[in-house]
Amino acid sequence: METRPPRASSGSLGCLGQDGTAQADDPARRVEVDTRRCAWHGIHGRRLVRVLESDIVIDVTVIATAAISGGVGLTAALMQMLTNFRQTDAERDRHTADAKAQRRSERQAAYISVMDLLVDFGWDSAFPGEGYNVVESFNKPFLHAANRVRLYGSPAAVAAIDQIQEGLAAMNRTDSAAQDLFNKGANAFTIAARDDVGPRTEDELKDVNFQQGIGPSAD
């Protein structure tokens, strides 16, 4: 009868003998088991488990650190982007405000030129000096100033310029309604200019009643 070597039972330690064969979990034969090989497997098996656990902890730490670093970098980038947007908006608002102030200053200069010429024309017409030439002293300078109003002025101011020029044309025709047309245009122009470039609510000036337009007549 063929004799087979004993097999390790399910309760075997699973260690190998010197010849590499499985050793049964037999108390009588445990002394024959290569305890050094069993010890090597057991020690290194536990060490392997510890190494794997350590690797897992290290990997999780690295991933968490990378995630935190990435989140901080993204937040910083977003904050910088918002800051850039605010700076761009502020710069655009500043340029817009500067352009508005420049246009307002141009309208002021044009309005004042017209009003000064109207005052001079009124006095020179009543009390012309020696050698007074209305064309050189008033007509040409007034047309230059009126052109600036048509370029920079408000619609109401341009409409008032039209009335003034209609009054001047009527004067050339010796129309009886000429002076009335001229005065209405001058009053409308002064009101339009003040509405456009005059005091603002934020100036907090005291409100009092006054005569609108060019003011009381000197006659």
N, C-alpha and C. Protein backbone atom coordinates (compact mmCIF):
# COMPACT_ATOMS: atom_id res chain seq x y z
N MET A 1 0.86 -1.19 0.00
CA MET A 1 0.00 0.00 0.00
C MET A 1 0.89 1.23 0.00
N GLU A 2 0.46 2.23 -0.82
CA GLU A 2 1.26 3.47 -0.94
C GLU A 2 1.04 4.34 0.27
N THR A 3 2.15 4.78 0.79
CA THR A 3 2.08 5.63 1.98
C THR A 3 2.28 7.08 1.57
N ARG A 4 1.27 7.96 1.88
CA ARG A 4 1.34 9.40 1.52
C ARG A 4 1.81 10.19 2.73
N PRO A 5 2.56 11.24 2.47
CA PRO A 5 3.01 12.09 3.61
C PRO A 5 1.83 12.78 4.23
N PRO A 6 1.89 12.95 5.49
CA PRO A 6 0.77 13.62 6.19
C PRO A 6 0.61 15.06 5.69
N ARG A 7 -0.66 15.49 5.52
CA ARG A 7 -0.98 16.86 5.08
C ARG A 7 -1.29 17.74 6.29
N ALA A 8 -1.03 19.02 6.05
CA ALA A 8 -1.35 19.97 7.15
C ALA A 8 -2.84 20.11 7.25
N SER A 9 -3.30 20.00 8.47
CA SER A 9 -4.73 20.15 8.71
C SER A 9 -5.13 21.60 8.60
N SER A 10 -6.46 21.80 8.68
CA SER A 10 -6.96 23.18 8.59
C SER A 10 -6.48 24.01 9.76
N GLY A 11 -6.06 23.35 10.82
CA GLY A 11 -5.55 24.10 11.98
C GLY A 11 -4.06 24.25 11.97
N SER A 12 -3.42 23.91 10.83
CA SER A 12 -1.97 23.97 10.76
C SER A 12 -1.48 25.40 10.82
N LEU A 13 -0.28 25.49 11.30
CA LEU A 13 0.36 26.79 11.33
C LEU A 13 0.71 27.27 9.93
N GLY A 14 0.71 26.38 8.98
CA GLY A 14 1.02 26.75 7.60
C GLY A 14 2.48 27.01 7.38
N CYS A 15 3.38 26.48 8.24
CA CYS A 15 4.81 26.72 8.09
C CYS A 15 5.41 25.61 7.27
N LEU A 16 6.60 25.81 6.81
CA LEU A 16 7.29 24.83 5.99
C LEU A 16 8.45 24.26 6.75
N GLY A 17 8.73 22.98 6.46
CA GLY A 17 9.87 22.33 7.07
C GLY A 17 11.14 22.65 6.31
N GLN A 18 12.23 21.97 6.66
CA GLN A 18 13.50 22.20 6.00
C GLN A 18 13.43 21.82 4.55
N ASP A 19 12.62 20.75 4.22
CA ASP A 19 12.52 20.30 2.84
C ASP A 19 11.46 21.04 2.06
N GLY A 20 10.78 22.04 2.67
CA GLY A 20 9.79 22.84 1.95
C GLY A 20 8.42 22.25 1.98
N THR A 21 8.22 21.05 2.65
CA THR A 21 6.89 20.43 2.69
C THR A 21 6.12 20.99 3.86
N ALA A 22 4.78 20.96 3.70
CA ALA A 22 3.91 21.46 4.76
C ALA A 22 4.03 20.57 5.98
N GLN A 23 4.00 21.12 7.15
CA GLN A 23 4.11 20.39 8.38
C GLN A 23 2.75 20.40 9.09
N ALA A 24 2.31 19.22 9.51
CA ALA A 24 1.02 19.10 10.19
C ALA A 24 1.11 19.73 11.57
N ASP A 25 -0.06 20.14 12.04
CA ASP A 25 -0.12 20.75 13.35
C ASP A 25 -0.19 19.65 14.40
N ASP A 26 0.92 18.89 14.50
CA ASP A 26 0.99 17.76 15.41
C ASP A 26 1.91 18.14 16.54
N PRO A 27 1.38 18.11 17.77
CA PRO A 27 2.22 18.53 18.91
C PRO A 27 3.51 17.73 19.00
N ALA A 28 3.43 16.47 18.58
CA ALA A 28 4.62 15.65 18.70
C ALA A 28 5.68 16.02 17.70
N ARG A 29 5.27 16.66 16.58
CA ARG A 29 6.23 16.97 15.53
C ARG A 29 6.55 18.46 15.44
N ARG A 30 5.97 19.28 16.33
CA ARG A 30 6.22 20.71 16.25
C ARG A 30 7.69 21.05 16.42
N VAL A 31 8.42 20.14 17.18
CA VAL A 31 9.84 20.40 17.38
C VAL A 31 10.60 20.26 16.09
N GLU A 32 10.02 19.52 15.09
CA GLU A 32 10.70 19.33 13.82
C GLU A 32 10.47 20.50 12.85
N VAL A 33 9.52 21.35 13.19
CA VAL A 33 9.20 22.46 12.27
C VAL A 33 10.31 23.50 12.35
N ASP A 34 10.62 24.01 11.21
CA ASP A 34 11.64 25.06 11.17
C ASP A 34 11.05 26.34 11.74
N THR A 35 11.29 26.49 13.06
CA THR A 35 10.69 27.62 13.74
C THR A 35 11.23 28.93 13.22
N ARG A 36 12.44 28.91 12.73
CA ARG A 36 13.01 30.16 12.21
C ARG A 36 12.25 30.63 10.98
N ARG A 37 11.87 29.67 10.08
CA ARG A 37 11.12 30.06 8.89
C ARG A 37 9.73 30.54 9.26
N CYS A 38 9.09 29.85 10.20
CA CYS A 38 7.77 30.31 10.66
C CYS A 38 7.87 31.69 11.28
N ALA A 39 8.90 31.90 12.09
CA ALA A 39 9.08 33.19 12.72
C ALA A 39 9.30 34.26 11.66
N TRP A 40 10.08 33.93 10.61
CA TRP A 40 10.35 34.93 9.53
C TRP A 40 9.05 35.34 8.85
N HIS A 41 8.23 34.30 8.52
CA HIS A 41 6.95 34.61 7.86
C HIS A 41 6.06 35.47 8.76
N GLY A 42 6.00 35.10 10.04
CA GLY A 42 5.11 35.83 10.94
C GLY A 42 5.56 37.27 11.14
N ILE A 43 6.86 37.46 11.42
CA ILE A 43 7.37 38.80 11.68
C ILE A 43 7.23 39.69 10.45
N HIS A 44 7.66 39.15 9.31
CA HIS A 44 7.62 39.96 8.10
C HIS A 44 6.20 40.15 7.60
N GLY A 45 5.32 39.23 7.89
CA GLY A 45 3.91 39.42 7.53
C GLY A 45 3.32 40.60 8.28
N ARG A 46 3.59 40.63 9.63
CA ARG A 46 3.09 41.76 10.42
C ARG A 46 3.75 43.06 9.98
N ARG A 47 5.05 43.00 9.66
CA ARG A 47 5.75 44.20 9.22
C ARG A 47 5.16 44.71 7.91
N LEU A 48 4.81 43.79 7.03
CA LEU A 48 4.23 44.17 5.74
C LEU A 48 2.90 44.91 5.95
N VAL A 49 2.10 44.37 6.89
CA VAL A 49 0.84 45.02 7.19
C VAL A 49 1.08 46.43 7.71
N ARG A 50 2.06 46.58 8.62
CA ARG A 50 2.35 47.90 9.16
C ARG A 50 2.84 48.85 8.07
N VAL A 51 3.68 48.34 7.14
CA VAL A 51 4.18 49.18 6.06
C VAL A 51 3.05 49.66 5.18
N LEU A 52 2.13 48.72 4.85
CA LEU A 52 0.99 49.10 4.02
C LEU A 52 0.13 50.14 4.71
N GLU A 53 -0.12 49.94 6.01
CA GLU A 53 -0.90 50.91 6.75
C GLU A 53 -0.20 52.27 6.75
N SER A 54 1.12 52.27 6.91
CA SER A 54 1.87 53.52 6.90
C SER A 54 1.76 54.19 5.55
N ASP A 55 1.86 53.40 4.47
CA ASP A 55 1.76 53.98 3.13
C ASP A 55 0.39 54.62 2.92
N ILE A 56 -0.64 53.96 3.42
CA ILE A 56 -2.00 54.51 3.26
C ILE A 56 -2.10 55.85 3.98
N VAL A 57 -1.59 55.91 5.21
CA VAL A 57 -1.64 57.16 5.97
C VAL A 57 -0.86 58.25 5.26
N ILE A 58 0.32 57.91 4.73
CA ILE A 58 1.13 58.90 4.02
C ILE A 58 0.42 59.39 2.78
N ASP A 59 -0.19 58.44 2.01
CA ASP A 59 -0.89 58.82 0.78
C ASP A 59 -2.05 59.75 1.10
N VAL A 60 -2.84 59.42 2.12
CA VAL A 60 -3.98 60.26 2.49
C VAL A 60 -3.51 61.64 2.92
N THR A 61 -2.41 61.69 3.67
CA THR A 61 -1.87 62.98 4.11
C THR A 61 -1.43 63.81 2.94
N VAL A 62 -0.75 63.19 1.98
CA VAL A 62 -0.29 63.91 0.78
C VAL A 62 -1.47 64.44 -0.01
N ILE A 63 -2.50 63.60 -0.19
CA ILE A 63 -3.69 64.02 -0.94
C ILE A 63 -4.39 65.17 -0.24
N ALA A 64 -4.54 65.05 1.11
CA ALA A 64 -5.20 66.12 1.86
C ALA A 64 -4.41 67.42 1.77
N THR A 65 -3.07 67.32 1.89
CA THR A 65 -2.24 68.51 1.80
C THR A 65 -2.36 69.15 0.43
N ALA A 66 -2.35 68.32 -0.62
CA ALA A 66 -2.49 68.85 -1.98
C ALA A 66 -3.83 69.51 -2.17
N ALA A 67 -4.89 68.90 -1.62
CA ALA A 67 -6.23 69.48 -1.76
C ALA A 67 -6.32 70.83 -1.06
N ILE A 68 -5.75 70.89 0.15
CA ILE A 68 -5.77 72.15 0.90
C ILE A 68 -4.97 73.21 0.16
N SER A 69 -3.77 72.82 -0.32
CA SER A 69 -2.93 73.78 -1.03
C SER A 69 -3.63 74.27 -2.30
N GLY A 70 -4.27 73.34 -3.02
CA GLY A 70 -5.00 73.73 -4.23
C GLY A 70 -6.15 74.66 -3.92
N GLY A 71 -6.87 74.38 -2.82
CA GLY A 71 -7.98 75.25 -2.43
C GLY A 71 -7.51 76.64 -2.06
N VAL A 72 -6.41 76.72 -1.33
CA VAL A 72 -5.86 78.02 -0.95
C VAL A 72 -5.42 78.79 -2.19
N GLY A 73 -4.77 78.10 -3.12
CA GLY A 73 -4.34 78.76 -4.36
C GLY A 73 -5.50 79.26 -5.17
N LEU A 74 -6.57 78.46 -5.27
CA LEU A 74 -7.75 78.88 -6.03
C LEU A 74 -8.41 80.08 -5.37
N THR A 75 -8.52 80.05 -4.04
CA THR A 75 -9.12 81.19 -3.33
C THR A 75 -8.31 82.45 -3.54
N ALA A 76 -6.99 82.33 -3.47
CA ALA A 76 -6.13 83.50 -3.68
C ALA A 76 -6.28 84.04 -5.09
N ALA A 77 -6.39 83.14 -6.07
CA ALA A 77 -6.56 83.56 -7.46
C ALA A 77 -7.88 84.28 -7.65
N LEU A 78 -8.94 83.76 -7.03
CA LEU A 78 -10.25 84.41 -7.14
C LEU A 78 -10.24 85.79 -6.49
N MET A 79 -9.60 85.88 -5.31
CA MET A 79 -9.52 87.17 -4.63
C MET A 79 -8.74 88.18 -5.47
N GLN A 80 -7.65 87.73 -6.09
CA GLN A 80 -6.87 88.62 -6.94
C GLN A 80 -7.68 89.06 -8.16
N MET A 81 -8.45 88.13 -8.71
CA MET A 81 -9.28 88.46 -9.86
C MET A 81 -10.34 89.49 -9.50
N LEU A 82 -10.98 89.31 -8.32
CA LEU A 82 -11.98 90.28 -7.87
C LEU A 82 -11.34 91.65 -7.62
N THR A 83 -10.14 91.63 -7.05
CA THR A 83 -9.43 92.90 -6.83
C THR A 83 -9.13 93.60 -8.13
N ASN A 84 -8.71 92.82 -9.14
CA ASN A 84 -8.43 93.40 -10.45
C ASN A 84 -9.70 93.99 -11.07
N PHE A 85 -10.82 93.27 -10.91
CA PHE A 85 -12.09 93.77 -11.44
C PHE A 85 -12.46 95.10 -10.77
N ARG A 86 -12.29 95.15 -9.43
CA ARG A 86 -12.63 96.39 -8.71
C ARG A 86 -11.73 97.53 -9.16
N GLN A 87 -10.44 97.25 -9.34
CA GLN A 87 -9.53 98.29 -9.78
C GLN A 87 -9.88 98.77 -11.17
N THR A 88 -10.26 97.81 -12.05
CA THR A 88 -10.66 98.18 -13.41
C THR A 88 -11.91 99.03 -13.40
N ASP A 89 -12.89 98.63 -12.57
CA ASP A 89 -14.13 99.42 -12.46
C ASP A 89 -13.84 100.81 -11.92
N ALA A 90 -12.99 100.89 -10.91
CA ALA A 90 -12.66 102.19 -10.31
C ALA A 90 -11.94 103.08 -11.33
N GLU A 91 -11.03 102.46 -12.11
CA GLU A 91 -10.31 103.23 -13.12
C GLU A 91 -11.26 103.71 -14.21
N ARG A 92 -12.19 102.85 -14.61
CA ARG A 92 -13.17 103.25 -15.62
C ARG A 92 -14.08 104.36 -15.10
N ASP A 93 -14.52 104.24 -13.85
CA ASP A 93 -15.36 105.28 -13.26
C ASP A 93 -14.62 106.61 -13.17
N ARG A 94 -13.31 106.53 -12.84
CA ARG A 94 -12.53 107.76 -12.74
C ARG A 94 -12.41 108.44 -14.09
N HIS A 95 -12.13 107.64 -15.15
CA HIS A 95 -12.03 108.21 -16.50
C HIS A 95 -13.37 108.81 -16.93
N THR A 96 -14.46 108.13 -16.61
CA THR A 96 -15.79 108.64 -16.96
C THR A 96 -16.07 109.96 -16.26
N ALA A 97 -15.73 110.02 -14.96
CA ALA A 97 -15.94 111.26 -14.21
C ALA A 97 -15.07 112.40 -14.75
N ASP A 98 -13.83 112.07 -15.11
CA ASP A 98 -12.94 113.09 -15.68
C ASP A 98 -13.48 113.62 -17.00
N ALA A 99 -13.99 112.71 -17.84
CA ALA A 99 -14.55 113.12 -19.13
C ALA A 99 -15.78 114.01 -18.94
N LYS A 100 -16.63 113.65 -17.98
CA LYS A 100 -17.81 114.48 -17.70
C LYS A 100 -17.41 115.86 -17.21
N ALA A 101 -16.42 115.93 -16.32
CA ALA A 101 -15.97 117.22 -15.81
C ALA A 101 -15.38 118.07 -16.93
N GLN A 102 -14.64 117.43 -17.84
CA GLN A 102 -14.05 118.16 -18.97
C GLN A 102 -15.13 118.73 -19.88
N ARG A 103 -16.14 117.92 -20.19
CA ARG A 103 -17.24 118.38 -21.04
C ARG A 103 -18.02 119.51 -20.35
N ARG A 104 -18.22 119.39 -19.06
CA ARG A 104 -18.95 120.44 -18.32
C ARG A 104 -18.16 121.74 -18.36
N SER A 105 -16.85 121.65 -18.20
CA SER A 105 -16.00 122.84 -18.25
C SER A 105 -16.06 123.50 -19.64
N GLU A 106 -16.08 122.67 -20.68
CA GLU A 106 -16.18 123.21 -22.04
C GLU A 106 -17.51 123.93 -22.26
N ARG A 107 -18.59 123.38 -21.74
CA ARG A 107 -19.89 124.02 -21.87
C ARG A 107 -19.94 125.33 -21.08
N GLN A 108 -19.36 125.32 -19.90
CA GLN A 108 -19.31 126.55 -19.11
C GLN A 108 -18.62 127.68 -19.87
N ALA A 109 -17.47 127.36 -20.46
CA ALA A 109 -16.71 128.38 -21.20
C ALA A 109 -17.52 128.91 -22.38
N ALA A 110 -18.20 128.02 -23.09
CA ALA A 110 -19.01 128.45 -24.24
C ALA A 110 -20.18 129.32 -23.79
N TYR A 111 -20.84 128.92 -22.70
CA TYR A 111 -21.98 129.69 -22.22
C TYR A 111 -21.55 131.09 -21.77
N ILE A 112 -20.46 131.17 -21.04
CA ILE A 112 -20.00 132.46 -20.52
C ILE A 112 -19.62 133.40 -21.67
N SER A 113 -19.00 132.85 -22.72
CA SER A 113 -18.64 133.67 -23.88
C SER A 113 -19.88 134.31 -24.50
N VAL A 114 -20.93 133.53 -24.68
CA VAL A 114 -22.16 134.05 -25.26
C VAL A 114 -22.78 135.11 -24.37
N MET A 115 -22.87 134.85 -23.08
CA MET A 115 -23.51 135.80 -22.16
C MET A 115 -22.73 137.11 -22.10
N ASP A 116 -21.38 137.03 -22.09
CA ASP A 116 -20.59 138.27 -22.07
C ASP A 116 -20.81 139.07 -23.35
N LEU A 117 -20.89 138.39 -24.49
CA LEU A 117 -21.11 139.10 -25.76
C LEU A 117 -22.50 139.73 -25.79
N LEU A 118 -23.49 139.06 -25.23
CA LEU A 118 -24.84 139.64 -25.19
C LEU A 118 -24.88 140.91 -24.33
N VAL A 119 -24.15 140.90 -23.22
CA VAL A 119 -24.10 142.09 -22.35
C VAL A 119 -23.41 143.24 -23.09
N ASP A 120 -22.27 142.94 -23.73
CA ASP A 120 -21.56 143.99 -24.48
C ASP A 120 -22.42 144.55 -25.60
N PHE A 121 -23.14 143.65 -26.30
CA PHE A 121 -23.98 144.11 -27.42
C PHE A 121 -25.09 145.04 -26.92
N GLY A 122 -25.68 144.71 -25.79
CA GLY A 122 -26.73 145.57 -25.24
C GLY A 122 -26.23 146.96 -24.92
N TRP A 123 -25.08 147.04 -24.29
CA TRP A 123 -24.53 148.35 -23.92
C TRP A 123 -24.02 149.11 -25.16
N ASP A 124 -23.33 148.42 -26.04
CA ASP A 124 -22.78 149.09 -27.22
C ASP A 124 -23.88 149.57 -28.16
N SER A 125 -24.99 148.85 -28.19
CA SER A 125 -26.10 149.29 -29.04
C SER A 125 -26.72 150.58 -28.49
N ALA A 126 -26.80 150.69 -27.18
CA ALA A 126 -27.39 151.88 -26.56
C ALA A 126 -26.40 153.03 -26.52
N PHE A 127 -25.14 152.73 -26.30
CA PHE A 127 -24.12 153.77 -26.18
C PHE A 127 -22.90 153.38 -27.03
N PRO A 128 -23.05 153.45 -28.36
CA PRO A 128 -21.92 153.05 -29.22
C PRO A 128 -20.75 154.04 -29.10
N GLY A 129 -19.59 153.50 -28.97
CA GLY A 129 -18.41 154.35 -28.91
C GLY A 129 -17.99 154.81 -30.29
N GLU A 130 -17.00 155.71 -30.33
CA GLU A 130 -16.53 156.23 -31.61
C GLU A 130 -15.88 155.09 -32.40
N GLY A 131 -16.30 154.95 -33.62
CA GLY A 131 -15.75 153.92 -34.49
C GLY A 131 -16.26 152.51 -34.17
N TYR A 132 -17.33 152.44 -33.43
CA TYR A 132 -17.88 151.10 -33.09
C TYR A 132 -18.36 150.40 -34.34
N ASN A 133 -17.93 149.16 -34.53
CA ASN A 133 -18.33 148.35 -35.67
C ASN A 133 -19.00 147.10 -35.14
N VAL A 134 -20.31 147.00 -35.33
CA VAL A 134 -21.07 145.89 -34.76
C VAL A 134 -20.65 144.55 -35.35
N VAL A 135 -20.25 144.56 -36.62
CA VAL A 135 -19.84 143.30 -37.25
C VAL A 135 -18.58 142.75 -36.59
N GLU A 136 -17.58 143.62 -36.41
CA GLU A 136 -16.32 143.17 -35.83
C GLU A 136 -16.42 142.97 -34.33
N SER A 137 -17.19 143.82 -33.69
CA SER A 137 -17.25 143.76 -32.22
C SER A 137 -18.22 142.71 -31.69
N PHE A 138 -19.25 142.40 -32.49
CA PHE A 138 -20.26 141.47 -31.97
C PHE A 138 -20.57 140.30 -32.90
N ASN A 139 -20.90 140.61 -34.16
CA ASN A 139 -21.41 139.56 -35.04
C ASN A 139 -20.45 138.37 -35.16
N LYS A 140 -19.21 138.62 -35.50
CA LYS A 140 -18.26 137.53 -35.69
C LYS A 140 -17.95 136.79 -34.38
N PRO A 141 -17.62 137.52 -33.30
CA PRO A 141 -17.36 136.81 -32.04
C PRO A 141 -18.58 136.02 -31.56
N PHE A 142 -19.77 136.57 -31.78
CA PHE A 142 -20.97 135.86 -31.32
C PHE A 142 -21.18 134.57 -32.10
N LEU A 143 -20.98 134.60 -33.41
CA LEU A 143 -21.13 133.38 -34.22
C LEU A 143 -20.11 132.32 -33.79
N HIS A 144 -18.90 132.72 -33.46
CA HIS A 144 -17.89 131.76 -32.97
C HIS A 144 -18.35 131.12 -31.65
N ALA A 145 -18.84 131.98 -30.76
CA ALA A 145 -19.31 131.45 -29.47
C ALA A 145 -20.55 130.57 -29.66
N ALA A 146 -21.45 130.98 -30.56
CA ALA A 146 -22.65 130.19 -30.81
C ALA A 146 -22.29 128.82 -31.38
N ASN A 147 -21.25 128.77 -32.20
CA ASN A 147 -20.82 127.47 -32.74
C ASN A 147 -20.32 126.54 -31.63
N ARG A 148 -19.63 127.09 -30.65
CA ARG A 148 -19.17 126.26 -29.52
C ARG A 148 -20.35 125.74 -28.72
N VAL A 149 -21.38 126.57 -28.56
CA VAL A 149 -22.59 126.12 -27.86
C VAL A 149 -23.26 125.00 -28.65
N ARG A 150 -23.32 125.16 -29.96
CA ARG A 150 -23.94 124.11 -30.79
C ARG A 150 -23.15 122.81 -30.73
N LEU A 151 -21.86 122.92 -30.48
CA LEU A 151 -21.02 121.72 -30.40
C LEU A 151 -21.06 121.09 -29.02
N TYR A 152 -20.97 121.90 -27.96
CA TYR A 152 -20.85 121.37 -26.60
C TYR A 152 -22.12 121.53 -25.76
N GLY A 153 -23.02 122.45 -26.14
CA GLY A 153 -24.12 122.83 -25.28
C GLY A 153 -25.26 121.83 -25.19
N SER A 154 -26.11 122.06 -24.22
CA SER A 154 -27.30 121.23 -24.04
C SER A 154 -28.32 121.56 -25.14
N PRO A 155 -29.27 120.68 -25.40
CA PRO A 155 -30.30 120.98 -26.39
C PRO A 155 -31.07 122.26 -26.09
N ALA A 156 -31.35 122.51 -24.81
CA ALA A 156 -32.08 123.73 -24.44
C ALA A 156 -31.25 124.97 -24.76
N ALA A 157 -29.94 124.89 -24.53
CA ALA A 157 -29.07 126.04 -24.84
C ALA A 157 -28.99 126.28 -26.34
N VAL A 158 -28.93 125.23 -27.12
CA VAL A 158 -28.88 125.38 -28.58
C VAL A 158 -30.19 125.99 -29.09
N ALA A 159 -31.31 125.55 -28.55
CA ALA A 159 -32.60 126.12 -28.94
C ALA A 159 -32.67 127.61 -28.60
N ALA A 160 -32.09 128.01 -27.48
CA ALA A 160 -32.07 129.43 -27.10
C ALA A 160 -31.19 130.23 -28.06
N ILE A 161 -30.08 129.65 -28.50
CA ILE A 161 -29.22 130.31 -29.49
C ILE A 161 -30.01 130.58 -30.77
N ASP A 162 -30.83 129.61 -31.16
CA ASP A 162 -31.68 129.82 -32.34
C ASP A 162 -32.57 131.05 -32.15
N GLN A 163 -33.19 131.21 -30.98
CA GLN A 163 -34.06 132.35 -30.71
C GLN A 163 -33.29 133.67 -30.78
N ILE A 164 -32.08 133.68 -30.21
CA ILE A 164 -31.27 134.90 -30.23
C ILE A 164 -30.94 135.29 -31.67
N GLN A 165 -30.55 134.31 -32.47
CA GLN A 165 -30.19 134.62 -33.86
C GLN A 165 -31.41 135.05 -34.68
N GLU A 166 -32.56 134.51 -34.36
CA GLU A 166 -33.79 134.97 -35.03
C GLU A 166 -34.06 136.43 -34.67
N GLY A 167 -33.82 136.80 -33.39
CA GLY A 167 -34.00 138.19 -32.98
C GLY A 167 -33.02 139.12 -33.68
N LEU A 168 -31.76 138.69 -33.83
CA LEU A 168 -30.76 139.50 -34.52
C LEU A 168 -31.13 139.68 -35.99
N ALA A 169 -31.62 138.60 -36.60
CA ALA A 169 -32.05 138.71 -38.00
C ALA A 169 -33.21 139.68 -38.14
N ALA A 170 -34.12 139.67 -37.17
CA ALA A 170 -35.26 140.60 -37.21
C ALA A 170 -34.78 142.04 -37.05
N MET A 171 -33.71 142.25 -36.25
CA MET A 171 -33.15 143.59 -36.10
C MET A 171 -32.61 144.10 -37.43
N ASN A 172 -31.99 143.21 -38.18
CA ASN A 172 -31.45 143.61 -39.48
C ASN A 172 -32.58 144.01 -40.43
N ARG A 173 -33.76 143.47 -40.22
CA ARG A 173 -34.91 143.82 -41.05
C ARG A 173 -35.71 144.97 -40.45
N THR A 174 -35.21 145.48 -39.35
CA THR A 174 -35.93 146.53 -38.60
C THR A 174 -37.34 146.11 -38.25
N ASP A 175 -37.46 144.83 -37.89
CA ASP A 175 -38.76 144.29 -37.47
C ASP A 175 -39.07 144.78 -36.07
N SER A 176 -40.28 145.18 -35.84
CA SER A 176 -40.69 145.70 -34.53
C SER A 176 -40.63 144.64 -33.44
N ALA A 177 -40.71 143.38 -33.83
CA ALA A 177 -40.69 142.28 -32.84
C ALA A 177 -39.27 141.81 -32.55
N ALA A 178 -38.28 142.45 -33.14
CA ALA A 178 -36.90 141.99 -33.03
C ALA A 178 -36.40 141.99 -31.59
N GLN A 179 -36.61 143.10 -30.89
CA GLN A 179 -36.09 143.20 -29.53
C GLN A 179 -36.73 142.18 -28.61
N ASP A 180 -38.02 141.93 -28.79
CA ASP A 180 -38.72 140.94 -27.96
C ASP A 180 -38.17 139.55 -28.23
N LEU A 181 -37.94 139.20 -29.49
CA LEU A 181 -37.36 137.90 -29.83
C LEU A 181 -35.97 137.75 -29.23
N PHE A 182 -35.20 138.79 -29.33
CA PHE A 182 -33.83 138.76 -28.81
C PHE A 182 -33.84 138.56 -27.29
N ASN A 183 -34.66 139.32 -26.59
CA ASN A 183 -34.70 139.22 -25.12
C ASN A 183 -35.19 137.84 -24.65
N LYS A 184 -36.20 137.31 -25.33
CA LYS A 184 -36.69 135.98 -24.97
C LYS A 184 -35.59 134.92 -25.17
N GLY A 185 -34.86 135.04 -26.27
CA GLY A 185 -33.76 134.11 -26.51
C GLY A 185 -32.67 134.22 -25.46
N ALA A 186 -32.33 135.46 -25.07
CA ALA A 186 -31.29 135.67 -24.06
C ALA A 186 -31.72 135.11 -22.70
N ASN A 187 -32.97 135.33 -22.34
CA ASN A 187 -33.48 134.78 -21.08
C ASN A 187 -33.46 133.25 -21.09
N ALA A 188 -33.93 132.67 -22.19
CA ALA A 188 -33.97 131.21 -22.31
C ALA A 188 -32.56 130.62 -22.26
N PHE A 189 -31.62 131.32 -22.88
CA PHE A 189 -30.23 130.83 -22.89
C PHE A 189 -29.64 130.84 -21.48
N THR A 190 -29.86 131.91 -20.73
CA THR A 190 -29.31 132.00 -19.37
C THR A 190 -29.89 130.91 -18.47
N ILE A 191 -31.18 130.67 -18.60
CA ILE A 191 -31.83 129.63 -17.80
C ILE A 191 -31.28 128.25 -18.16
N ALA A 192 -31.13 127.99 -19.47
CA ALA A 192 -30.62 126.70 -19.92
C ALA A 192 -29.18 126.48 -19.44
N ALA A 193 -28.36 127.55 -19.50
CA ALA A 193 -26.97 127.42 -19.07
C ALA A 193 -26.88 127.13 -17.58
N ARG A 194 -27.69 127.82 -16.78
CA ARG A 194 -27.67 127.59 -15.33
C ARG A 194 -28.15 126.18 -14.99
N ASP A 195 -29.17 125.72 -15.70
CA ASP A 195 -29.66 124.35 -15.46
C ASP A 195 -28.59 123.31 -15.80
N ASP A 196 -27.76 123.62 -16.78
CA ASP A 196 -26.76 122.65 -17.24
C ASP A 196 -25.51 122.65 -16.37
N VAL A 197 -24.93 123.83 -16.15
CA VAL A 197 -23.63 123.88 -15.47
C VAL A 197 -23.67 124.70 -14.18
N GLY A 198 -24.84 125.08 -13.73
CA GLY A 198 -24.95 125.86 -12.50
C GLY A 198 -24.84 125.02 -11.25
N PRO A 199 -25.21 125.58 -10.11
CA PRO A 199 -25.11 124.87 -8.83
C PRO A 199 -25.91 123.56 -8.82
N ARG A 200 -25.43 122.62 -8.03
CA ARG A 200 -26.08 121.33 -7.88
C ARG A 200 -26.62 121.18 -6.45
N THR A 201 -27.49 120.20 -6.30
CA THR A 201 -28.08 119.95 -4.97
C THR A 201 -27.01 119.67 -3.93
N GLU A 202 -25.95 118.94 -4.33
CA GLU A 202 -24.90 118.59 -3.38
C GLU A 202 -24.09 119.80 -2.92
N ASP A 203 -24.23 120.94 -3.64
CA ASP A 203 -23.54 122.16 -3.19
C ASP A 203 -24.17 122.73 -1.92
N GLU A 204 -25.42 122.32 -1.63
CA GLU A 204 -26.14 122.72 -0.41
C GLU A 204 -26.22 124.24 -0.26
N LEU A 205 -26.53 124.92 -1.37
CA LEU A 205 -26.71 126.37 -1.32
C LEU A 205 -28.11 126.70 -0.82
N LYS A 206 -28.22 127.80 -0.13
CA LYS A 206 -29.51 128.22 0.40
C LYS A 206 -30.43 128.61 -0.76
N ASP A 207 -31.64 128.13 -0.74
CA ASP A 207 -32.60 128.39 -1.81
C ASP A 207 -33.36 129.69 -1.53
N VAL A 208 -33.27 130.64 -2.48
CA VAL A 208 -33.99 131.92 -2.37
C VAL A 208 -34.63 132.22 -3.72
N ASN A 209 -35.62 133.06 -3.71
CA ASN A 209 -36.30 133.47 -4.95
C ASN A 209 -35.47 134.52 -5.68
N PHE A 210 -35.38 134.42 -7.00
CA PHE A 210 -34.66 135.40 -7.81
C PHE A 210 -35.27 135.40 -9.21
N GLN A 211 -35.00 136.44 -9.96
CA GLN A 211 -35.53 136.55 -11.31
C GLN A 211 -34.75 135.67 -12.26
N GLN A 212 -35.46 134.78 -12.92
CA GLN A 212 -34.81 133.87 -13.85
C GLN A 212 -34.35 134.63 -15.10
N GLY A 213 -33.34 134.08 -15.77
CA GLY A 213 -32.88 134.67 -17.04
C GLY A 213 -31.77 135.67 -16.84
N ILE A 214 -31.75 136.67 -17.74
CA ILE A 214 -30.66 137.65 -17.74
C ILE A 214 -30.82 138.72 -16.67
N GLY A 215 -31.91 138.69 -15.95
CA GLY A 215 -32.08 139.64 -14.85
C GLY A 215 -32.86 140.87 -15.26
N PRO A 216 -33.08 141.79 -14.31
CA PRO A 216 -33.86 143.01 -14.58
C PRO A 216 -33.21 143.86 -15.67
N SER A 217 -34.06 144.56 -16.42
CA SER A 217 -33.57 145.43 -17.47
C SER A 217 -32.93 146.68 -16.89
N ALA A 218 -31.89 147.17 -17.58
CA ALA A 218 -31.19 148.39 -17.13
C ALA A 218 -31.90 149.65 -17.62
N ASP A 219 -32.94 149.54 -18.43
CA ASP A 219 -33.65 150.73 -18.97
C ASP A 219 -34.45 151.40 -17.87
